[in-house]
């Protein structure tokens, strides 16, 4: 009787261990970390549904890979931590490729060109970077906008730099006069300029050109290879161009 009880207990323990092992990651699904206030790349529409260029592009890539996709809004200032912890598989939402980020994640080939620009109120009389001296400037926390401003001598001449969790809040403060300027991605600035004509304009000088890529956890070379193959195929079959024309009116996707 004791042997039977011991045997039953051992079988139970083995089943628990096996269940734990089988409860690993679902490789049939891609979990993508996004900033859901980053129009037109990834944002919520009037029905609170996620939409945008990167959303459509990611869905097409996942379909090409034979995988389902789940979008996970994250704190953009903690994006690399979210990736490295395994809570997300990819960082994909206007994610600028930089040397510093290359030390933390693997990147696909660049898929879109961008630039960090200065958004101003439409009635602003500022015309060049030097005019920002003594002004209040806003930007998104731990963004490539912050990196671009850090690298420019004009930063030391600013009155104050205010950081925001997203670009929407920064642009709101610009519109209400709390800020004189916002450092922001060109694609984002132009989207809001098209949605609110006569509200914003861009400074004649920009801060830095850049390129967007998709971030993959270091060590996951297999996923990187699969994803890049899918993106290459979307370029060849015209799907990438189709998505780009939908959102930008032209084919902006890099080969």
Foldseek 3Di string as FASTA:
>chain_A
DVVVVVVVVVVVVVVVVVVVVVPDDDPQEFEEEEAQVQPQQWHADPVRDIHHLQVLLVCLLSVLLNHHYHYDYDQVLCVLVCQQVPVGFKYTGQAWDDPVVVVRFDWAPFWFKWFWFKKFFLPDPDADLLVQFAFEEEEEPPGVLVVLLVPDPSVVRHNYYYYDSDVVVRLVCRQVVVGGIYTDIPNRNVVVCVVPPNTIDTHPDTRGMTTDTMTGGPPVVVVSVSSNVSSVVCVVVVVQQVSCCVRPVGRRTDD
